[in-house]
Amino acid sequence: VLAAQGYTVAGWIREQRLARCRRDLADPA
């Protein structure tokens, strides 16, 4: 399923982690 979307499992996990970091960096709290 992930390969069909152009991801490896590790790549998908890394992308999700970085997206959450980006969200946290944008949070003034």
PDB file of all heavy atoms in Angstrom:
ATOM      1  N   VAL A   1       0.843  -1.205   0.000  1.00  0.00           N
ATOM      2  CA  VAL A   1       0.000   0.000   0.000  1.00  0.00           C
ATOM      3  C   VAL A   1       0.876   1.252   0.000  1.00  0.00           C
ATOM      4  O   VAL A   1       0.643   2.191  -0.760  1.00  0.00           O
ATOM      5  CB  VAL A   1      -0.957   0.008   1.215  1.00  0.00           C
ATOM      6  CG1 VAL A   1      -1.617   1.361   1.395  1.00  0.00           C
ATOM      7  CG2 VAL A   1      -2.017  -1.079   1.050  1.00  0.00           C
ATOM      8  N   LEU A   2       1.889   1.276   0.855  1.00  0.00           N
ATOM      9  CA  LEU A   2       2.762   2.444   0.914  1.00  0.00           C
ATOM     10  C   LEU A   2       3.585   2.601  -0.360  1.00  0.00           C
ATOM     11  O   LEU A   2       3.781   3.722  -0.833  1.00  0.00           O
ATOM     12  CB  LEU A   2       3.656   2.373   2.148  1.00  0.00           C
ATOM     13  CG  LEU A   2       2.925   2.575   3.481  1.00  0.00           C
ATOM     14  CD1 LEU A   2       3.879   2.363   4.648  1.00  0.00           C
ATOM     15  CD2 LEU A   2       2.282   3.941   3.567  1.00  0.00           C
ATOM     16  N   ALA A   3       4.049   1.491  -0.920  1.00  0.00           N
ATOM     17  CA  ALA A   3       4.830   1.554  -2.163  1.00  0.00           C
ATOM     18  C   ALA A   3       3.994   2.128  -3.299  1.00  0.00           C
ATOM     19  O   ALA A   3       4.500   2.892  -4.127  1.00  0.00           O
ATOM     20  CB  ALA A   3       5.354   0.172  -2.526  1.00  0.00           C
ATOM     21  N   ALA A   4       2.717   1.806  -3.327  1.00  0.00           N
ATOM     22  CA  ALA A   4       1.825   2.332  -4.366  1.00  0.00           C
ATOM     23  C   ALA A   4       1.701   3.849  -4.273  1.00  0.00           C
ATOM     24  O   ALA A   4       1.394   4.519  -5.256  1.00  0.00           O
ATOM     25  CB  ALA A   4       0.453   1.673  -4.260  1.00  0.00           C
ATOM     26  N   GLN A   5       1.940   4.388  -3.087  1.00  0.00           N
ATOM     27  CA  GLN A   5       1.874   5.839  -2.878  1.00  0.00           C
ATOM     28  C   GLN A   5       3.264   6.481  -2.932  1.00  0.00           C
ATOM     29  O   GLN A   5       3.413   7.666  -2.631  1.00  0.00           O
ATOM     30  CB  GLN A   5       1.212   6.143  -1.542  1.00  0.00           C
ATOM     31  CG  GLN A   5      -0.232   5.682  -1.487  1.00  0.00           C
ATOM     32  CD  GLN A   5      -0.855   5.916  -0.120  1.00  0.00           C
ATOM     33  OE1 GLN A   5      -0.254   6.501   0.766  1.00  0.00           O
ATOM     34  NE2 GLN A   5      -2.077   5.446   0.034  1.00  0.00           N
ATOM     35  N   GLY A   6       4.275   5.672  -3.267  1.00  0.00           N
ATOM     36  CA  GLY A   6       5.630   6.187  -3.401  1.00  0.00           C
ATOM     37  C   GLY A   6       6.417   6.269  -2.106  1.00  0.00           C
ATOM     38  O   GLY A   6       7.385   7.018  -2.017  1.00  0.00           O
ATOM     39  N   TYR A   7       6.013   5.524  -1.102  1.00  0.00           N
ATOM     40  CA  TYR A   7       6.670   5.563   0.201  1.00  0.00           C
ATOM     41  C   TYR A   7       7.289   4.219   0.551  1.00  0.00           C
ATOM     42  O   TYR A   7       6.817   3.179   0.111  1.00  0.00           O
ATOM     43  CB  TYR A   7       5.663   5.851   1.326  1.00  0.00           C
ATOM     44  CG  TYR A   7       5.136   7.241   1.373  1.00  0.00           C
ATOM     45  CD1 TYR A   7       3.847   7.523   0.954  1.00  0.00           C
ATOM     46  CD2 TYR A   7       5.905   8.278   1.865  1.00  0.00           C
ATOM     47  CE1 TYR A   7       3.333   8.805   1.014  1.00  0.00           C
ATOM     48  CE2 TYR A   7       5.408   9.565   1.928  1.00  0.00           C
ATOM     49  CZ  TYR A   7       4.125   9.825   1.506  1.00  0.00           C
ATOM     50  OH  TYR A   7       3.631  11.091   1.568  1.00  0.00           O
ATOM     51  N   THR A   8       8.308   4.304   1.406  1.00  0.00           N
ATOM     52  CA  THR A   8       8.745   3.135   2.158  1.00  0.00           C
ATOM     53  C   THR A   8       8.104   3.307   3.533  1.00  0.00           C
ATOM     54  O   THR A   8       7.641   4.407   3.877  1.00  0.00           O
ATOM     55  CB  THR A   8      10.273   3.105   2.314  1.00  0.00           C
ATOM     56  OG1 THR A   8      10.683   4.264   3.054  1.00  0.00           O
ATOM     57  CG2 THR A   8      10.975   3.057   0.966  1.00  0.00           C
ATOM     58  N   VAL A   9       8.098   2.278   4.335  1.00  0.00           N
ATOM     59  CA  VAL A   9       7.536   2.397   5.680  1.00  0.00           C
ATOM     60  C   VAL A   9       8.336   3.431   6.474  1.00  0.00           C
ATOM     61  O   VAL A   9       7.763   4.328   7.099  1.00  0.00           O
ATOM     62  CB  VAL A   9       7.506   1.030   6.403  1.00  0.00           C
ATOM     63  CG1 VAL A   9       7.095   1.194   7.852  1.00  0.00           C
ATOM     64  CG2 VAL A   9       6.546   0.081   5.690  1.00  0.00           C
ATOM     65  N   ALA A  10       9.654   3.335   6.418  1.00  0.00           N
ATOM     66  CA  ALA A  10      10.497   4.280   7.151  1.00  0.00           C
ATOM     67  C   ALA A  10      10.296   5.705   6.646  1.00  0.00           C
ATOM     68  O   ALA A  10      10.250   6.658   7.434  1.00  0.00           O
ATOM     69  CB  ALA A  10      11.963   3.880   7.040  1.00  0.00           C
ATOM     70  N   GLY A  11      10.173   5.876   5.349  1.00  0.00           N
ATOM     71  CA  GLY A  11       9.960   7.206   4.778  1.00  0.00           C
ATOM     72  C   GLY A  11       8.642   7.809   5.208  1.00  0.00           C
ATOM     73  O   GLY A  11       8.561   9.004   5.511  1.00  0.00           O
ATOM     74  N   TRP A  12       7.613   6.990   5.248  1.00  0.00           N
ATOM     75  CA  TRP A  12       6.298   7.478   5.683  1.00  0.00           C
ATOM     76  C   TRP A  12       6.333   7.884   7.152  1.00  0.00           C
ATOM     77  O   TRP A  12       5.821   8.944   7.529  1.00  0.00           O
ATOM     78  CB  TRP A  12       5.232   6.408   5.457  1.00  0.00           C
ATOM     79  CG  TRP A  12       3.863   6.882   5.812  1.00  0.00           C
ATOM     80  CD1 TRP A  12       3.026   7.603   5.028  1.00  0.00           C
ATOM     81  CD2 TRP A  12       3.189   6.681   7.057  1.00  0.00           C
ATOM     82  NE1 TRP A  12       1.861   7.864   5.711  1.00  0.00           N
ATOM     83  CE2 TRP A  12       1.935   7.310   6.961  1.00  0.00           C
ATOM     84  CE3 TRP A  12       3.516   6.045   8.233  1.00  0.00           C
ATOM     85  CZ2 TRP A  12       1.022   7.309   8.000  1.00  0.00           C
ATOM     86  CZ3 TRP A  12       2.604   6.048   9.275  1.00  0.00           C
ATOM     87  CH2 TRP A  12       1.370   6.667   9.152  1.00  0.00           C
ATOM     88  N   ILE A  13       6.970   7.063   7.979  1.00  0.00           N
ATOM     89  CA  ILE A  13       7.078   7.381   9.414  1.00  0.00           C
ATOM     90  C   ILE A  13       7.865   8.681   9.597  1.00  0.00           C
ATOM     91  O   ILE A  13       7.456   9.553  10.369  1.00  0.00           O
ATOM     92  CB  ILE A  13       7.733   6.221  10.188  1.00  0.00           C
ATOM     93  CG1 ILE A  13       6.778   5.015  10.221  1.00  0.00           C
ATOM     94  CG2 ILE A  13       8.118   6.648  11.601  1.00  0.00           C
ATOM     95  CD1 ILE A  13       7.417   3.739  10.726  1.00  0.00           C
ATOM     96  N   ARG A  14       8.978   8.826   8.891  1.00  0.00           N
ATOM     97  CA  ARG A  14       9.791  10.039   8.996  1.00  0.00           C
ATOM     98  C   ARG A  14       8.978  11.267   8.576  1.00  0.00           C
ATOM     99  O   ARG A  14       9.011  12.299   9.249  1.00  0.00           O
ATOM    100  CB  ARG A  14      11.050   9.915   8.131  1.00  0.00           C
ATOM    101  CG  ARG A  14      11.988  11.092   8.234  1.00  0.00           C
ATOM    102  CD  ARG A  14      13.286  10.902   7.438  1.00  0.00           C
ATOM    103  NE  ARG A  14      13.092  10.339   6.108  1.00  0.00           N
ATOM    104  CZ  ARG A  14      13.351   9.077   5.766  1.00  0.00           C
ATOM    105  NH1 ARG A  14      13.827   8.224   6.639  1.00  0.00           N
ATOM    106  NH2 ARG A  14      13.138   8.658   4.533  1.00  0.00           N
ATOM    107  N   GLU A  15       8.225  11.159   7.504  1.00  0.00           N
ATOM    108  CA  GLU A  15       7.398  12.282   7.051  1.00  0.00           C
ATOM    109  C   GLU A  15       6.358  12.670   8.103  1.00  0.00           C
ATOM    110  O   GLU A  15       6.130  13.856   8.356  1.00  0.00           O
ATOM    111  CB  GLU A  15       6.711  11.941   5.731  1.00  0.00           C
ATOM    112  CG  GLU A  15       5.933  13.117   5.176  1.00  0.00           C
ATOM    113  CD  GLU A  15       5.362  12.827   3.812  1.00  0.00           C
ATOM    114  OE1 GLU A  15       6.156  12.564   2.881  1.00  0.00           O
ATOM    115  OE2 GLU A  15       4.129  12.869   3.687  1.00  0.00           O
ATOM    116  N   GLN A  16       5.737  11.670   8.716  1.00  0.00           N
ATOM    117  CA  GLN A  16       4.748  11.954   9.756  1.00  0.00           C
ATOM    118  C   GLN A  16       5.383  12.626  10.959  1.00  0.00           C
ATOM    119  O   GLN A  16       4.834  13.577  11.529  1.00  0.00           O
ATOM    120  CB  GLN A  16       4.047  10.659  10.193  1.00  0.00           C
ATOM    121  CG  GLN A  16       3.257   9.983   9.085  1.00  0.00           C
ATOM    122  CD  GLN A  16       2.222  10.899   8.468  1.00  0.00           C
ATOM    123  OE1 GLN A  16       1.384  11.456   9.156  1.00  0.00           O
ATOM    124  NE2 GLN A  16       2.312  11.068   7.159  1.00  0.00           N
ATOM    125  N   ARG A  17       6.553  12.158  11.361  1.00  0.00           N
ATOM    126  CA  ARG A  17       7.252  12.759  12.505  1.00  0.00           C
ATOM    127  C   ARG A  17       7.643  14.210  12.212  1.00  0.00           C
ATOM    128  O   ARG A  17       7.464  15.092  13.052  1.00  0.00           O
ATOM    129  CB  ARG A  17       8.497  11.944  12.859  1.00  0.00           C
ATOM    130  CG  ARG A  17       8.174  10.632  13.506  1.00  0.00           C
ATOM    131  CD  ARG A  17       9.414   9.826  13.769  1.00  0.00           C
ATOM    132  NE  ARG A  17       9.078   8.621  14.512  1.00  0.00           N
ATOM    133  CZ  ARG A  17       9.943   7.685  14.819  1.00  0.00           C
ATOM    134  NH1 ARG A  17      11.213   7.805  14.466  1.00  0.00           N
ATOM    135  NH2 ARG A  17       9.567   6.625  15.490  1.00  0.00           N
ATOM    136  N   LEU A  18       8.175  14.446  11.019  1.00  0.00           N
ATOM    137  CA  LEU A  18       8.571  15.808  10.657  1.00  0.00           C
ATOM    138  C   LEU A  18       7.366  16.738  10.572  1.00  0.00           C
ATOM    139  O   LEU A  18       7.446  17.904  10.971  1.00  0.00           O
ATOM    140  CB  LEU A  18       9.343  15.804   9.340  1.00  0.00           C
ATOM    141  CG  LEU A  18      10.751  15.210   9.412  1.00  0.00           C
ATOM    142  CD1 LEU A  18      11.337  15.047   8.010  1.00  0.00           C
ATOM    143  CD2 LEU A  18      11.662  16.059  10.281  1.00  0.00           C
ATOM    144  N   ALA A  19       6.253  16.242  10.085  1.00  0.00           N
ATOM    145  CA  ALA A  19       5.034  17.063  10.017  1.00  0.00           C
ATOM    146  C   ALA A  19       4.563  17.448  11.420  1.00  0.00           C
ATOM    147  O   ALA A  19       4.124  18.584  11.648  1.00  0.00           O
ATOM    148  CB  ALA A  19       3.933  16.314   9.273  1.00  0.00           C
ATOM    149  N   ARG A  20       4.671  16.538  12.362  1.00  0.00           N
ATOM    150  CA  ARG A  20       4.279  16.847  13.740  1.00  0.00           C
ATOM    151  C   ARG A  20       5.251  17.836  14.374  1.00  0.00           C
ATOM    152  O   ARG A  20       4.842  18.723  15.127  1.00  0.00           O
ATOM    153  CB  ARG A  20       4.152  15.567  14.545  1.00  0.00           C
ATOM    154  CG  ARG A  20       2.860  14.835  14.192  1.00  0.00           C
ATOM    155  CD  ARG A  20       2.847  13.414  14.703  1.00  0.00           C
ATOM    156  NE  ARG A  20       1.571  12.766  14.462  1.00  0.00           N
ATOM    157  CZ  ARG A  20       1.179  12.259  13.306  1.00  0.00           C
ATOM    158  NH1 ARG A  20       1.952  12.347  12.250  1.00  0.00           N
ATOM    159  NH2 ARG A  20       0.007  11.665  13.183  1.00  0.00           N
ATOM    160  N   CYS A  21       6.532  17.711  14.049  1.00  0.00           N
ATOM    161  CA  CYS A  21       7.512  18.685  14.534  1.00  0.00           C
ATOM    162  C   CYS A  21       7.197  20.068  13.963  1.00  0.00           C
ATOM    163  O   CYS A  21       7.242  21.071  14.694  1.00  0.00           O
ATOM    164  CB  CYS A  21       8.924  18.277  14.128  1.00  0.00           C
ATOM    165  SG  CYS A  21       9.546  16.816  14.974  1.00  0.00           S
ATOM    166  N   ARG A  22       6.877  20.122  12.698  1.00  0.00           N
ATOM    167  CA  ARG A  22       6.548  21.401  12.063  1.00  0.00           C
ATOM    168  C   ARG A  22       5.340  22.039  12.743  1.00  0.00           C
ATOM    169  O   ARG A  22       5.324  23.237  13.006  1.00  0.00           O
ATOM    170  CB  ARG A  22       6.281  21.180  10.582  1.00  0.00           C
ATOM    171  CG  ARG A  22       6.094  22.446   9.798  1.00  0.00           C
ATOM    172  CD  ARG A  22       5.875  22.112   8.340  1.00  0.00           C
ATOM    173  NE  ARG A  22       5.978  23.309   7.525  1.00  0.00           N
ATOM    174  CZ  ARG A  22       5.683  23.368   6.258  1.00  0.00           C
ATOM    175  NH1 ARG A  22       5.271  22.286   5.624  1.00  0.00           N
ATOM    176  NH2 ARG A  22       5.792  24.482   5.594  1.00  0.00           N
ATOM    177  N   ARG A  23       4.344  21.227  13.033  1.00  0.00           N
ATOM    178  CA  ARG A  23       3.154  21.721  13.729  1.00  0.00           C
ATOM    179  C   ARG A  23       3.525  22.255  15.112  1.00  0.00           C
ATOM    180  O   ARG A  23       3.081  23.331  15.504  1.00  0.00           O
ATOM    181  CB  ARG A  23       2.126  20.595  13.859  1.00  0.00           C
ATOM    182  CG  ARG A  23       0.825  21.042  14.527  1.00  0.00           C
ATOM    183  CD  ARG A  23      -0.002  19.872  14.978  1.00  0.00           C
ATOM    184  NE  ARG A  23       0.737  19.149  16.018  1.00  0.00           N
ATOM    185  CZ  ARG A  23       0.570  17.883  16.303  1.00  0.00           C
ATOM    186  NH1 ARG A  23      -0.302  17.155  15.635  1.00  0.00           N
ATOM    187  NH2 ARG A  23       1.255  17.299  17.268  1.00  0.00           N
ATOM    188  N   ASP A  24       4.361  21.521  15.831  1.00  0.00           N
ATOM    189  CA  ASP A  24       4.770  21.955  17.173  1.00  0.00           C
ATOM    190  C   ASP A  24       5.597  23.235  17.125  1.00  0.00           C
ATOM    191  O   ASP A  24       5.468  24.096  17.997  1.00  0.00           O
ATOM    192  CB  ASP A  24       5.555  20.858  17.889  1.00  0.00           C
ATOM    193  CG  ASP A  24       4.675  19.729  18.398  1.00  0.00           C
ATOM    194  OD1 ASP A  24       3.437  19.788  18.209  1.00  0.00           O
ATOM    195  OD2 ASP A  24       5.232  18.784  18.983  1.00  0.00           O
ATOM    196  N   LEU A  25       6.446  23.383  16.120  1.00  0.00           N
ATOM    197  CA  LEU A  25       7.259  24.591  15.999  1.00  0.00           C
ATOM    198  C   LEU A  25       6.393  25.815  15.687  1.00  0.00           C
ATOM    199  O   LEU A  25       6.774  26.942  16.014  1.00  0.00           O
ATOM    200  CB  LEU A  25       8.329  24.411  14.922  1.00  0.00           C
ATOM    201  CG  LEU A  25       9.442  23.427  15.276  1.00  0.00           C
ATOM    202  CD1 LEU A  25      10.263  23.094  14.039  1.00  0.00           C
ATOM    203  CD2 LEU A  25      10.319  23.965  16.389  1.00  0.00           C
ATOM    204  N   ALA A  26       5.250  25.592  15.090  1.00  0.00           N
ATOM    205  CA  ALA A  26       4.336  26.692  14.773  1.00  0.00           C
ATOM    206  C   ALA A  26       3.409  27.025  15.937  1.00  0.00           C
ATOM    207  O   ALA A  26       2.681  28.014  15.883  1.00  0.00           O
ATOM    208  CB  ALA A  26       3.501  26.323  13.548  1.00  0.00           C
ATOM    209  N   ASP A  27       3.445  26.237  16.990  1.00  0.00           N
ATOM    210  CA  ASP A  27       2.552  26.429  18.136  1.00  0.00           C
ATOM    211  C   ASP A  27       3.208  27.331  19.176  1.00  0.00           C
ATOM    212  O   ASP A  27       4.189  26.941  19.805  1.00  0.00           O
ATOM    213  CB  ASP A  27       2.232  25.063  18.753  1.00  0.00           C
ATOM    214  CG  ASP A  27       1.217  25.127  19.871  1.00  0.00           C
ATOM    215  OD1 ASP A  27       0.892  26.247  20.337  1.00  0.00           O
ATOM    216  OD2 ASP A  27       0.751  24.056  20.292  1.00  0.00           O
ATOM    217  N   PRO A  28       2.673  28.530  19.385  1.00  0.00           N
ATOM    218  CA  PRO A  28       3.282  29.446  20.366  1.00  0.00           C
ATOM    219  C   PRO A  28       3.305  28.879  21.784  1.00  0.00           C
ATOM    220  O   PRO A  28       4.174  29.245  22.577  1.00  0.00           O
ATOM    221  CB  PRO A  28       2.390  30.688  20.306  1.00  0.00           C
ATOM    222  CG  PRO A  28       1.577  30.562  19.085  1.00  0.00           C
ATOM    223  CD  PRO A  28       1.535  29.119  18.717  1.00  0.00           C
ATOM    224  N   ALA A  29       2.402  27.986  22.097  1.00  0.00           N
ATOM    225  CA  ALA A  29       2.369  27.397  23.437  1.00  0.00           C
ATOM    226  C   ALA A  29       3.583  26.507  23.697  1.00  0.00           C
ATOM    227  O   ALA A  29       3.872  26.186  24.850  1.00  0.00           O
ATOM    228  CB  ALA A  29       1.084  26.597  23.625  1.00  0.00           C
TER     229      ALA A  29
END
